[in-house]
Amino acid sequence: KKIWHNLLEMEGSGAVITFELGEKNNSVHI
């Protein structure tokens, strides 16, 4: 959310994020 406001947010921009849980150790990725 902070990266969105600091770097990615522009007029007319947008983002869809999902969270992946790793198959072996449930490691989190965005």
ModelCIF file with pLDDT and N, C-alpha, C, O atoms, coordinates in Angstrom:
data_MODEL
#
_entry.id   MODEL 
#
_entity.id                         1 
_entity.type                       polymer 
_entity.pdbx_number_of_molecules   1 
#
_entity_poly.entity_id                      1 
_entity_poly.type                           'polypeptide(L)' 
_entity_poly.nstd_linkage                   no 
_entity_poly.nstd_monomer                   no 
_entity_poly.pdbx_seq_one_letter_code       KKIWHNLLEMEGSGAVITFELGEKNNSVHI 
_entity_poly.pdbx_seq_one_letter_code_can   KKIWHNLLEMEGSGAVITFELGEKNNSVHI 
_entity_poly.pdbx_strand_id                 A 
#
loop_
_entity_poly_seq.entity_id 
_entity_poly_seq.num 
_entity_poly_seq.mon_id 
_entity_poly_seq.hetero 
1 1  LYS n 
1 2  LYS n 
1 3  ILE n 
1 4  TRP n 
1 5  HIS n 
1 6  ASN n 
1 7  LEU n 
1 8  LEU n 
1 9  GLU n 
1 10 MET n 
1 11 GLU n 
1 12 GLY n 
1 13 SER n 
1 14 GLY n 
1 15 ALA n 
1 16 VAL n 
1 17 ILE n 
1 18 THR n 
1 19 PHE n 
1 20 GLU n 
1 21 LEU n 
1 22 GLY n 
1 23 GLU n 
1 24 LYS n 
1 25 ASN n 
1 26 ASN n 
1 27 SER n 
1 28 VAL n 
1 29 HIS n 
1 30 ILE n 
#
_struct_asym.id          A 
_struct_asym.entity_id   1 
#
loop_
_ma_qa_metric.id 
_ma_qa_metric.mode 
_ma_qa_metric.name 
_ma_qa_metric.software_group_id 
_ma_qa_metric.type 
1 global pLDDT . pLDDT 
2 local  pLDDT . pLDDT 
#
_ma_qa_metric_global.metric_id      1 
_ma_qa_metric_global.metric_value   89.07 
_ma_qa_metric_global.model_id       1 
_ma_qa_metric_global.ordinal_id     1 
#
loop_
_ma_qa_metric_local.label_asym_id 
_ma_qa_metric_local.label_comp_id 
_ma_qa_metric_local.label_seq_id 
_ma_qa_metric_local.metric_id 
_ma_qa_metric_local.metric_value 
_ma_qa_metric_local.model_id 
_ma_qa_metric_local.ordinal_id 
A LYS 1  2 95.00 1 1  
A LYS 2  2 96.00 1 2  
A ILE 3  2 96.00 1 3  
A TRP 4  2 96.00 1 4  
A HIS 5  2 95.00 1 5  
A ASN 6  2 95.00 1 6  
A LEU 7  2 95.00 1 7  
A LEU 8  2 95.00 1 8  
A GLU 9  2 94.00 1 9  
A MET 10 2 92.00 1 10 
A GLU 11 2 90.00 1 11 
A GLY 12 2 89.00 1 12 
A SER 13 2 92.00 1 13 
A GLY 14 2 92.00 1 14 
A ALA 15 2 92.00 1 15 
A VAL 16 2 90.00 1 16 
A ILE 17 2 90.00 1 17 
A THR 18 2 88.00 1 18 
A PHE 19 2 87.00 1 19 
A GLU 20 2 84.00 1 20 
A LEU 21 2 84.00 1 21 
A GLY 22 2 79.00 1 22 
A GLU 23 2 73.00 1 23 
A LYS 24 2 74.00 1 24 
A ASN 25 2 80.00 1 25 
A ASN 26 2 81.00 1 26 
A SER 27 2 86.00 1 27 
A VAL 28 2 90.00 1 28 
A HIS 29 2 90.00 1 29 
A ILE 30 2 92.00 1 30 
#
loop_
_atom_site.group_PDB 
_atom_site.id 
_atom_site.type_symbol 
_atom_site.label_atom_id 
_atom_site.label_alt_id 
_atom_site.label_comp_id 
_atom_site.label_asym_id 
_atom_site.label_entity_id 
_atom_site.label_seq_id 
_atom_site.pdbx_PDB_ins_code 
_atom_site.Cartn_x 
_atom_site.Cartn_y 
_atom_site.Cartn_z 
_atom_site.occupancy 
_atom_site.B_iso_or_equiv 
_atom_site.pdbx_formal_charge 
_atom_site.auth_seq_id 
_atom_site.auth_comp_id 
_atom_site.auth_asym_id 
_atom_site.auth_atom_id 
_atom_site.pdbx_PDB_model_num 
ATOM 1   N N  . LYS A 1 1  ? 0.828  -1.206  0.000   1.00 95.00 ? 1  LYS A N  1 
ATOM 2   C CA . LYS A 1 1  ? 0.000  0.000   0.000   1.00 95.00 ? 1  LYS A CA 1 
ATOM 3   C C  . LYS A 1 1  ? 0.867  1.263   0.000   1.00 95.00 ? 1  LYS A C  1 
ATOM 4   O O  . LYS A 1 1  ? 0.542  2.250   -0.659  1.00 95.00 ? 1  LYS A O  1 
ATOM 5   N N  . LYS A 1 2  ? 1.973  1.217   0.748   1.00 96.00 ? 2  LYS A N  1 
ATOM 6   C CA . LYS A 1 2  ? 2.888  2.364   0.779   1.00 96.00 ? 2  LYS A CA 1 
ATOM 7   C C  . LYS A 1 2  ? 3.620  2.512   -0.553  1.00 96.00 ? 2  LYS A C  1 
ATOM 8   O O  . LYS A 1 2  ? 3.847  3.624   -1.029  1.00 96.00 ? 2  LYS A O  1 
ATOM 9   N N  . ILE A 1 3  ? 3.991  1.362   -1.153  1.00 96.00 ? 3  ILE A N  1 
ATOM 10  C CA . ILE A 1 3  ? 4.648  1.414   -2.470  1.00 96.00 ? 3  ILE A CA 1 
ATOM 11  C C  . ILE A 1 3  ? 3.696  1.990   -3.511  1.00 96.00 ? 3  ILE A C  1 
ATOM 12  O O  . ILE A 1 3  ? 4.110  2.751   -4.386  1.00 96.00 ? 3  ILE A O  1 
ATOM 13  N N  . TRP A 1 4  ? 2.422  1.625   -3.415  1.00 96.00 ? 4  TRP A N  1 
ATOM 14  C CA . TRP A 1 4  ? 1.433  2.170   -4.342  1.00 96.00 ? 4  TRP A CA 1 
ATOM 15  C C  . TRP A 1 4  ? 1.398  3.697   -4.258  1.00 96.00 ? 4  TRP A C  1 
ATOM 16  O O  . TRP A 1 4  ? 1.456  4.383   -5.278  1.00 96.00 ? 4  TRP A O  1 
ATOM 17  N N  . HIS A 1 5  ? 1.302  4.220   -3.040  1.00 95.00 ? 5  HIS A N  1 
ATOM 18  C CA . HIS A 1 5  ? 1.206  5.668   -2.867  1.00 95.00 ? 5  HIS A CA 1 
ATOM 19  C C  . HIS A 1 5  ? 2.530  6.380   -3.184  1.00 95.00 ? 5  HIS A C  1 
ATOM 20  O O  . HIS A 1 5  ? 2.530  7.504   -3.684  1.00 95.00 ? 5  HIS A O  1 
ATOM 21  N N  . ASN A 1 6  ? 3.650  5.718   -2.889  1.00 95.00 ? 6  ASN A N  1 
ATOM 22  C CA . ASN A 1 6  ? 4.954  6.366   -3.078  1.00 95.00 ? 6  ASN A CA 1 
ATOM 23  C C  . ASN A 1 6  ? 5.484  6.287   -4.514  1.00 95.00 ? 6  ASN A C  1 
ATOM 24  O O  . ASN A 1 6  ? 6.139  7.217   -4.984  1.00 95.00 ? 6  ASN A O  1 
ATOM 25  N N  . LEU A 1 7  ? 5.204  5.182   -5.210  1.00 95.00 ? 7  LEU A N  1 
ATOM 26  C CA . LEU A 1 7  ? 5.826  4.966   -6.518  1.00 95.00 ? 7  LEU A CA 1 
ATOM 27  C C  . LEU A 1 7  ? 4.866  4.681   -7.671  1.00 95.00 ? 7  LEU A C  1 
ATOM 28  O O  . LEU A 1 7  ? 5.095  5.131   -8.794  1.00 95.00 ? 7  LEU A O  1 
ATOM 29  N N  . LEU A 1 8  ? 3.804  3.942   -7.403  1.00 95.00 ? 8  LEU A N  1 
ATOM 30  C CA . LEU A 1 8  ? 2.978  3.437   -8.497  1.00 95.00 ? 8  LEU A CA 1 
ATOM 31  C C  . LEU A 1 8  ? 1.759  4.289   -8.828  1.00 95.00 ? 8  LEU A C  1 
ATOM 32  O O  . LEU A 1 8  ? 1.266  4.254   -9.955  1.00 95.00 ? 8  LEU A O  1 
ATOM 33  N N  . GLU A 1 9  ? 1.279  5.039   -7.873  1.00 94.00 ? 9  GLU A N  1 
ATOM 34  C CA . GLU A 1 9  ? 0.051  5.801   -8.091  1.00 94.00 ? 9  GLU A CA 1 
ATOM 35  C C  . GLU A 1 9  ? 0.281  6.979   -9.040  1.00 94.00 ? 9  GLU A C  1 
ATOM 36  O O  . GLU A 1 9  ? 1.081  7.874   -8.768  1.00 94.00 ? 9  GLU A O  1 
ATOM 37  N N  . MET A 1 10 ? -0.435 6.952   -10.141 1.00 92.00 ? 10 MET A N  1 
ATOM 38  C CA . MET A 1 10 ? -0.387 8.041   -11.130 1.00 92.00 ? 10 MET A CA 1 
ATOM 39  C C  . MET A 1 10 ? -1.824 8.289   -11.589 1.00 92.00 ? 10 MET A C  1 
ATOM 40  O O  . MET A 1 10 ? -2.713 7.474   -11.341 1.00 92.00 ? 10 MET A O  1 
ATOM 41  N N  . GLU A 1 11 ? -2.037 9.397   -12.246 1.00 90.00 ? 11 GLU A N  1 
ATOM 42  C CA . GLU A 1 11 ? -3.378 9.675   -12.757 1.00 90.00 ? 11 GLU A CA 1 
ATOM 43  C C  . GLU A 1 11 ? -3.748 8.638   -13.814 1.00 90.00 ? 11 GLU A C  1 
ATOM 44  O O  . GLU A 1 11 ? -3.045 8.481   -14.813 1.00 90.00 ? 11 GLU A O  1 
ATOM 45  N N  . GLY A 1 12 ? -4.854 7.932   -13.589 1.00 89.00 ? 12 GLY A N  1 
ATOM 46  C CA . GLY A 1 12 ? -5.305 6.923   -14.542 1.00 89.00 ? 12 GLY A CA 1 
ATOM 47  C C  . GLY A 1 12 ? -4.649 5.564   -14.379 1.00 89.00 ? 12 GLY A C  1 
ATOM 48  O O  . GLY A 1 12 ? -4.885 4.676   -15.199 1.00 89.00 ? 12 GLY A O  1 
ATOM 49  N N  . SER A 1 13 ? -3.832 5.368   -13.347 1.00 92.00 ? 13 SER A N  1 
ATOM 50  C CA . SER A 1 13 ? -3.166 4.075   -13.134 1.00 92.00 ? 13 SER A CA 1 
ATOM 51  C C  . SER A 1 13 ? -4.031 3.176   -12.244 1.00 92.00 ? 13 SER A C  1 
ATOM 52  O O  . SER A 1 13 ? -5.006 3.634   -11.647 1.00 92.00 ? 13 SER A O  1 
ATOM 53  N N  . GLY A 1 14 ? -3.671 1.920   -12.164 1.00 92.00 ? 14 GLY A N  1 
ATOM 54  C CA . GLY A 1 14 ? -4.416 0.982   -11.331 1.00 92.00 ? 14 GLY A CA 1 
ATOM 55  C C  . GLY A 1 14 ? -3.629 -0.292  -11.107 1.00 92.00 ? 14 GLY A C  1 
ATOM 56  O O  . GLY A 1 14 ? -2.681 -0.587  -11.834 1.00 92.00 ? 14 GLY A O  1 
ATOM 57  N N  . ALA A 1 15 ? -4.032 -1.045  -10.093 1.00 92.00 ? 15 ALA A N  1 
ATOM 58  C CA . ALA A 1 15 ? -3.347 -2.305  -9.784  1.00 92.00 ? 15 ALA A CA 1 
ATOM 59  C C  . ALA A 1 15 ? -4.327 -3.307  -9.192  1.00 92.00 ? 15 ALA A C  1 
ATOM 60  O O  . ALA A 1 15 ? -5.244 -2.946  -8.455  1.00 92.00 ? 15 ALA A O  1 
ATOM 61  N N  . VAL A 1 16 ? -4.111 -4.581  -9.532  1.00 90.00 ? 16 VAL A N  1 
ATOM 62  C CA . VAL A 1 16 ? -4.823 -5.700  -8.916  1.00 90.00 ? 16 VAL A CA 1 
ATOM 63  C C  . VAL A 1 16 ? -3.760 -6.614  -8.325  1.00 90.00 ? 16 VAL A C  1 
ATOM 64  O O  . VAL A 1 16 ? -2.881 -7.083  -9.047  1.00 90.00 ? 16 VAL A O  1 
ATOM 65  N N  . ILE A 1 17 ? -3.827 -6.877  -7.015  1.00 90.00 ? 17 ILE A N  1 
ATOM 66  C CA . ILE A 1 17 ? -2.819 -7.736  -6.396  1.00 90.00 ? 17 ILE A CA 1 
ATOM 67  C C  . ILE A 1 17 ? -3.471 -8.969  -5.795  1.00 90.00 ? 17 ILE A C  1 
ATOM 68  O O  . ILE A 1 17 ? -4.591 -8.910  -5.287  1.00 90.00 ? 17 ILE A O  1 
ATOM 69  N N  . THR A 1 18 ? -2.758 -10.084 -5.858  1.00 88.00 ? 18 THR A N  1 
ATOM 70  C CA . THR A 1 18 ? -3.174 -11.322 -5.219  1.00 88.00 ? 18 THR A CA 1 
ATOM 71  C C  . THR A 1 18 ? -1.988 -11.886 -4.435  1.00 88.00 ? 18 THR A C  1 
ATOM 72  O O  . THR A 1 18 ? -0.831 -11.564 -4.704  1.00 88.00 ? 18 THR A O  1 
ATOM 73  N N  . PHE A 1 19 ? -2.307 -12.728 -3.469  1.00 87.00 ? 19 PHE A N  1 
ATOM 74  C CA . PHE A 1 19 ? -1.269 -13.315 -2.630  1.00 87.00 ? 19 PHE A CA 1 
ATOM 75  C C  . PHE A 1 19 ? -1.121 -14.793 -2.940  1.00 87.00 ? 19 PHE A C  1 
ATOM 76  O O  . PHE A 1 19 ? -2.097 -15.544 -2.942  1.00 87.00 ? 19 PHE A O  1 
ATOM 77  N N  . GLU A 1 20 ? 0.113  -15.200 -3.202  1.00 84.00 ? 20 GLU A N  1 
ATOM 78  C CA . GLU A 1 20 ? 0.413  -16.610 -3.452  1.00 84.00 ? 20 GLU A CA 1 
ATOM 79  C C  . GLU A 1 20 ? 1.030  -17.224 -2.213  1.00 84.00 ? 20 GLU A C  1 
ATOM 80  O O  . GLU A 1 20 ? 1.878  -16.616 -1.559  1.00 84.00 ? 20 GLU A O  1 
ATOM 81  N N  . LEU A 1 21 ? 0.598  -18.436 -1.895  1.00 84.00 ? 21 LEU A N  1 
ATOM 82  C CA . LEU A 1 21 ? 1.223  -19.212 -0.827  1.00 84.00 ? 21 LEU A CA 1 
ATOM 83  C C  . LEU A 1 21 ? 2.048  -20.312 -1.479  1.00 84.00 ? 21 LEU A C  1 
ATOM 84  O O  . LEU A 1 21 ? 1.510  -21.127 -2.228  1.00 84.00 ? 21 LEU A O  1 
ATOM 85  N N  . GLY A 1 22 ? 3.352  -20.343 -1.202  1.00 79.00 ? 22 GLY A N  1 
ATOM 86  C CA . GLY A 1 22 ? 4.234  -21.330 -1.804  1.00 79.00 ? 22 GLY A CA 1 
ATOM 87  C C  . GLY A 1 22 ? 3.788  -22.750 -1.523  1.00 79.00 ? 22 GLY A C  1 
ATOM 88  O O  . GLY A 1 22 ? 3.286  -23.042 -0.438  1.00 79.00 ? 22 GLY A O  1 
ATOM 89  N N  . GLU A 1 23 ? 3.967  -23.637 -2.492  1.00 73.00 ? 23 GLU A N  1 
ATOM 90  C CA . GLU A 1 23 ? 3.475  -25.001 -2.384  1.00 73.00 ? 23 GLU A CA 1 
ATOM 91  C C  . GLU A 1 23 ? 4.168  -25.815 -1.296  1.00 73.00 ? 23 GLU A C  1 
ATOM 92  O O  . GLU A 1 23 ? 3.543  -26.675 -0.676  1.00 73.00 ? 23 GLU A O  1 
ATOM 93  N N  . LYS A 1 24 ? 5.447  -25.553 -1.061  1.00 74.00 ? 24 LYS A N  1 
ATOM 94  C CA . LYS A 1 24 ? 6.197  -26.376 -0.109  1.00 74.00 ? 24 LYS A CA 1 
ATOM 95  C C  . LYS A 1 24 ? 6.202  -25.805 1.307   1.00 74.00 ? 24 LYS A C  1 
ATOM 96  O O  . LYS A 1 24 ? 6.071  -26.551 2.278   1.00 74.00 ? 24 LYS A O  1 
ATOM 97  N N  . ASN A 1 25 ? 6.351  -24.489 1.426   1.00 80.00 ? 25 ASN A N  1 
ATOM 98  C CA . ASN A 1 25 ? 6.519  -23.911 2.772   1.00 80.00 ? 25 ASN A CA 1 
ATOM 99  C C  . ASN A 1 25 ? 5.589  -22.733 3.052   1.00 80.00 ? 25 ASN A C  1 
ATOM 100 O O  . ASN A 1 25 ? 5.793  -22.001 4.020   1.00 80.00 ? 25 ASN A O  1 
ATOM 101 N N  . ASN A 1 26 ? 4.568  -22.545 2.209   1.00 81.00 ? 26 ASN A N  1 
ATOM 102 C CA . ASN A 1 26 ? 3.606  -21.453 2.384   1.00 81.00 ? 26 ASN A CA 1 
ATOM 103 C C  . ASN A 1 26 ? 4.264  -20.072 2.421   1.00 81.00 ? 26 ASN A C  1 
ATOM 104 O O  . ASN A 1 26 ? 3.787  -19.171 3.111   1.00 81.00 ? 26 ASN A O  1 
ATOM 105 N N  . SER A 1 27 ? 5.358  -19.912 1.677   1.00 86.00 ? 27 SER A N  1 
ATOM 106 C CA . SER A 1 27 ? 6.001  -18.597 1.604   1.00 86.00 ? 27 SER A CA 1 
ATOM 107 C C  . SER A 1 27 ? 5.079  -17.628 0.863   1.00 86.00 ? 27 SER A C  1 
ATOM 108 O O  . SER A 1 27 ? 4.418  -18.012 -0.102  1.00 86.00 ? 27 SER A O  1 
ATOM 109 N N  . VAL A 1 28 ? 5.038  -16.389 1.310   1.00 90.00 ? 28 VAL A N  1 
ATOM 110 C CA . VAL A 1 28 ? 4.102  -15.406 0.782   1.00 90.00 ? 28 VAL A CA 1 
ATOM 111 C C  . VAL A 1 28 ? 4.741  -14.566 -0.326  1.00 90.00 ? 28 VAL A C  1 
ATOM 112 O O  . VAL A 1 28 ? 5.848  -14.050 -0.166  1.00 90.00 ? 28 VAL A O  1 
ATOM 113 N N  . HIS A 1 29 ? 4.032  -14.435 -1.448  1.00 90.00 ? 29 HIS A N  1 
ATOM 114 C CA . HIS A 1 29 ? 4.425  -13.558 -2.547  1.00 90.00 ? 29 HIS A CA 1 
ATOM 115 C C  . HIS A 1 29 ? 3.235  -12.685 -2.927  1.00 90.00 ? 29 HIS A C  1 
ATOM 116 O O  . HIS A 1 29 ? 2.087  -13.124 -2.848  1.00 90.00 ? 29 HIS A O  1 
ATOM 117 N N  . ILE A 1 30 ? 3.503  -11.469 -3.334  1.00 92.00 ? 30 ILE A N  1 
ATOM 118 C CA . ILE A 1 30 ? 2.468  -10.603 -3.905  1.00 92.00 ? 30 ILE A CA 1 
ATOM 119 C C  . ILE A 1 30 ? 2.659  -10.590 -5.414  1.00 92.00 ? 30 ILE A C  1 
ATOM 120 O O  . ILE A 1 30 ? 1.905  -9.928  -6.126  1.00 92.00 ? 30 ILE A O  1 
#
